[in-house]
Amino acid sequence: MVRIAVDLNRCQGYAQCAFLAPEIFAMHGDEGLLYDPDADEAQRGRLAQAAAACPVQAILVDAVDEPAEAVPGAR
C-alpha cells in the first residue's frame, strides 16, 4: 500500500496531479483537490510522476509496511 499526503494549504490547484493520475486525484471546483490517501502499489509510478510534476511540491508519496499479522506466513 502507498500512503499519499497532500498539503492542501500549499496546493494551488494547478491540477497536474489530476492530469497524470486521475484515478487518485480529482479537482473539485476551481481549487479543491480530492484524493485517495491509500493508493495501490501498482499506481506508484504514476503517483511519483504526479508528485514530481506538482509546481509547489505539495504531494508526499510514502510506502506503508503491512503489519506482520496481515502478511500470510509471517511470524
N, C-alpha and C. Protein backbone atom coordinates (compact mmCIF):
# COMPACT_ATOMS: atom_id res chain seq x y z
N MET A 1 0.84 -1.18 0.00
CA MET A 1 0.00 0.00 0.00
C MET A 1 0.89 1.24 0.00
N VAL A 2 0.43 2.27 -0.64
CA VAL A 2 1.14 3.53 -0.72
C VAL A 2 0.29 4.60 -0.04
N ARG A 3 0.89 5.36 0.84
CA ARG A 3 0.19 6.44 1.54
C ARG A 3 0.50 7.76 0.85
N ILE A 4 -0.53 8.56 0.61
CA ILE A 4 -0.38 9.85 -0.04
C ILE A 4 -0.82 10.93 0.94
N ALA A 5 -0.06 11.99 1.02
CA ALA A 5 -0.45 13.16 1.80
C ALA A 5 -0.27 14.38 0.92
N VAL A 6 -1.27 15.25 0.93
CA VAL A 6 -1.20 16.49 0.17
C VAL A 6 -1.35 17.65 1.14
N ASP A 7 -0.42 18.58 1.09
CA ASP A 7 -0.52 19.79 1.89
C ASP A 7 -1.50 20.72 1.18
N LEU A 8 -2.75 20.69 1.62
CA LEU A 8 -3.79 21.46 0.95
C LEU A 8 -3.64 22.96 1.15
N ASN A 9 -2.85 23.37 2.14
CA ASN A 9 -2.54 24.79 2.29
C ASN A 9 -1.54 25.25 1.24
N ARG A 10 -0.70 24.34 0.81
CA ARG A 10 0.31 24.64 -0.20
C ARG A 10 -0.24 24.49 -1.62
N CYS A 11 -1.16 23.54 -1.81
CA CYS A 11 -1.73 23.25 -3.14
C CYS A 11 -2.36 24.50 -3.73
N GLN A 12 -2.03 24.78 -4.98
CA GLN A 12 -2.56 25.96 -5.67
C GLN A 12 -3.56 25.60 -6.77
N GLY A 13 -3.90 24.33 -6.91
CA GLY A 13 -4.89 23.91 -7.87
C GLY A 13 -4.42 23.87 -9.31
N TYR A 14 -3.13 23.64 -9.54
CA TYR A 14 -2.61 23.55 -10.91
C TYR A 14 -3.11 22.29 -11.62
N ALA A 15 -3.51 21.28 -10.88
CA ALA A 15 -4.13 20.05 -11.38
C ALA A 15 -3.21 19.15 -12.20
N GLN A 16 -1.92 19.31 -12.08
CA GLN A 16 -1.00 18.41 -12.78
C GLN A 16 -1.16 16.99 -12.26
N CYS A 17 -1.41 16.85 -10.96
CA CYS A 17 -1.61 15.52 -10.38
C CYS A 17 -2.86 14.85 -10.94
N ALA A 18 -3.93 15.60 -11.08
CA ALA A 18 -5.18 15.06 -11.62
C ALA A 18 -5.02 14.66 -13.09
N PHE A 19 -4.19 15.35 -13.81
CA PHE A 19 -3.92 15.02 -15.21
C PHE A 19 -3.09 13.73 -15.31
N LEU A 20 -2.09 13.58 -14.44
CA LEU A 20 -1.18 12.44 -14.51
C LEU A 20 -1.70 11.19 -13.80
N ALA A 21 -2.51 11.35 -12.78
CA ALA A 21 -3.04 10.20 -12.03
C ALA A 21 -4.52 10.43 -11.70
N PRO A 22 -5.38 10.44 -12.72
CA PRO A 22 -6.80 10.76 -12.50
C PRO A 22 -7.54 9.73 -11.65
N GLU A 23 -6.99 8.52 -11.52
CA GLU A 23 -7.65 7.52 -10.67
C GLU A 23 -7.41 7.80 -9.18
N ILE A 24 -6.48 8.69 -8.87
CA ILE A 24 -6.17 9.04 -7.48
C ILE A 24 -6.60 10.46 -7.15
N PHE A 25 -6.31 11.40 -8.05
CA PHE A 25 -6.56 12.82 -7.80
C PHE A 25 -7.68 13.35 -8.70
N ALA A 26 -8.49 14.26 -8.16
CA ALA A 26 -9.54 14.92 -8.95
C ALA A 26 -9.74 16.33 -8.41
N MET A 27 -9.96 17.25 -9.30
CA MET A 27 -10.25 18.61 -8.90
C MET A 27 -11.75 18.74 -8.63
N HIS A 28 -12.07 19.44 -7.57
CA HIS A 28 -13.46 19.71 -7.21
C HIS A 28 -13.61 21.23 -7.24
N GLY A 29 -14.25 21.71 -8.27
CA GLY A 29 -14.34 23.15 -8.45
C GLY A 29 -13.04 23.69 -9.01
N ASP A 30 -12.75 24.94 -8.77
CA ASP A 30 -11.55 25.57 -9.32
C ASP A 30 -10.28 25.23 -8.56
N GLU A 31 -10.38 25.08 -7.24
CA GLU A 31 -9.17 24.90 -6.46
C GLU A 31 -9.21 23.76 -5.46
N GLY A 32 -10.33 23.07 -5.32
CA GLY A 32 -10.43 21.99 -4.34
C GLY A 32 -9.91 20.68 -4.89
N LEU A 33 -8.99 20.06 -4.20
CA LEU A 33 -8.42 18.79 -4.62
C LEU A 33 -8.98 17.65 -3.79
N LEU A 34 -9.48 16.63 -4.45
CA LEU A 34 -9.90 15.40 -3.80
C LEU A 34 -8.89 14.32 -4.16
N TYR A 35 -8.57 13.44 -3.20
CA TYR A 35 -7.61 12.37 -3.49
C TYR A 35 -7.83 11.20 -2.55
N ASP A 36 -7.38 10.04 -3.00
CA ASP A 36 -7.44 8.81 -2.21
C ASP A 36 -6.12 8.69 -1.46
N PRO A 37 -6.11 8.80 -0.12
CA PRO A 37 -4.85 8.77 0.61
C PRO A 37 -4.16 7.40 0.63
N ASP A 38 -4.91 6.33 0.35
CA ASP A 38 -4.35 4.98 0.35
C ASP A 38 -4.44 4.41 -1.06
N ALA A 39 -3.36 4.48 -1.78
CA ALA A 39 -3.34 4.00 -3.16
C ALA A 39 -2.72 2.61 -3.24
N ASP A 40 -3.03 1.94 -4.31
CA ASP A 40 -2.48 0.61 -4.57
C ASP A 40 -1.03 0.73 -5.02
N GLU A 41 -0.23 -0.24 -4.66
CA GLU A 41 1.20 -0.26 -5.02
C GLU A 41 1.41 -0.18 -6.53
N ALA A 42 0.47 -0.72 -7.30
CA ALA A 42 0.59 -0.72 -8.77
C ALA A 42 0.55 0.70 -9.34
N GLN A 43 0.07 1.66 -8.57
CA GLN A 43 -0.03 3.04 -9.03
C GLN A 43 1.17 3.90 -8.63
N ARG A 44 2.17 3.27 -8.03
CA ARG A 44 3.32 4.02 -7.51
C ARG A 44 4.02 4.86 -8.58
N GLY A 45 4.19 4.34 -9.78
CA GLY A 45 4.86 5.08 -10.84
C GLY A 45 4.13 6.35 -11.22
N ARG A 46 2.81 6.24 -11.38
CA ARG A 46 2.01 7.42 -11.71
C ARG A 46 2.00 8.42 -10.56
N LEU A 47 1.96 7.92 -9.34
CA LEU A 47 1.98 8.81 -8.18
C LEU A 47 3.30 9.57 -8.09
N ALA A 48 4.40 8.89 -8.38
CA ALA A 48 5.70 9.55 -8.36
C ALA A 48 5.76 10.64 -9.43
N GLN A 49 5.19 10.37 -10.61
CA GLN A 49 5.14 11.39 -11.67
C GLN A 49 4.28 12.56 -11.24
N ALA A 50 3.14 12.28 -10.64
CA ALA A 50 2.25 13.35 -10.20
C ALA A 50 2.90 14.22 -9.14
N ALA A 51 3.58 13.58 -8.18
CA ALA A 51 4.26 14.33 -7.12
C ALA A 51 5.38 15.18 -7.70
N ALA A 52 6.14 14.62 -8.64
CA ALA A 52 7.24 15.38 -9.25
C ALA A 52 6.73 16.53 -10.09
N ALA A 53 5.55 16.40 -10.68
CA ALA A 53 5.00 17.44 -11.55
C ALA A 53 4.34 18.58 -10.78
N CYS A 54 4.10 18.40 -9.50
CA CYS A 54 3.44 19.45 -8.72
C CYS A 54 4.36 20.67 -8.62
N PRO A 55 3.93 21.81 -9.15
CA PRO A 55 4.79 23.00 -9.15
C PRO A 55 5.15 23.51 -7.76
N VAL A 56 4.32 23.22 -6.76
CA VAL A 56 4.59 23.70 -5.40
C VAL A 56 5.01 22.58 -4.46
N GLN A 57 5.23 21.36 -5.02
CA GLN A 57 5.68 20.20 -4.24
C GLN A 57 4.80 19.95 -3.01
N ALA A 58 3.48 19.90 -3.24
CA ALA A 58 2.51 19.71 -2.15
C ALA A 58 2.19 18.24 -1.89
N ILE A 59 2.71 17.32 -2.72
CA ILE A 59 2.34 15.91 -2.61
C ILE A 59 3.49 15.09 -2.05
N LEU A 60 3.19 14.28 -1.04
CA LEU A 60 4.16 13.36 -0.45
C LEU A 60 3.66 11.94 -0.67
N VAL A 61 4.48 11.09 -1.26
CA VAL A 61 4.13 9.69 -1.50
C VAL A 61 5.07 8.83 -0.67
N ASP A 62 4.51 7.91 0.12
CA ASP A 62 5.32 7.09 1.02
C ASP A 62 4.76 5.67 1.06
N ALA A 63 5.64 4.70 1.13
CA ALA A 63 5.22 3.30 1.24
C ALA A 63 4.83 3.03 2.69
N VAL A 64 3.86 2.15 2.85
CA VAL A 64 3.41 1.75 4.18
C VAL A 64 3.65 0.25 4.30
N ASP A 65 4.38 -0.15 5.32
CA ASP A 65 4.62 -1.58 5.55
C ASP A 65 3.37 -2.21 6.15
N GLU A 66 3.06 -3.40 5.66
CA GLU A 66 1.94 -4.17 6.20
C GLU A 66 2.38 -4.73 7.56
N PRO A 67 1.49 -4.71 8.58
CA PRO A 67 1.83 -5.35 9.85
C PRO A 67 2.06 -6.85 9.63
N ALA A 68 2.94 -7.45 10.42
CA ALA A 68 3.30 -8.86 10.25
C ALA A 68 2.09 -9.77 10.28
N GLU A 69 1.09 -9.48 11.14
CA GLU A 69 -0.07 -10.34 11.24
C GLU A 69 -0.96 -10.25 9.99
N ALA A 70 -0.78 -9.22 9.17
CA ALA A 70 -1.57 -9.08 7.95
C ALA A 70 -0.92 -9.80 6.75
N VAL A 71 0.32 -10.21 6.91
CA VAL A 71 1.04 -10.88 5.82
C VAL A 71 0.96 -12.37 6.04
N PRO A 72 0.36 -13.12 5.10
CA PRO A 72 0.25 -14.58 5.26
C PRO A 72 1.62 -15.23 5.39
N GLY A 73 1.76 -16.12 6.35
CA GLY A 73 3.00 -16.85 6.55
C GLY A 73 4.05 -16.10 7.35
N ALA A 74 3.78 -14.88 7.76
CA ALA A 74 4.76 -14.10 8.55
C ALA A 74 4.62 -14.49 10.02
N ARG A 75 5.71 -14.33 10.75
CA ARG A 75 5.69 -14.63 12.18
C ARG A 75 5.67 -13.39 12.98
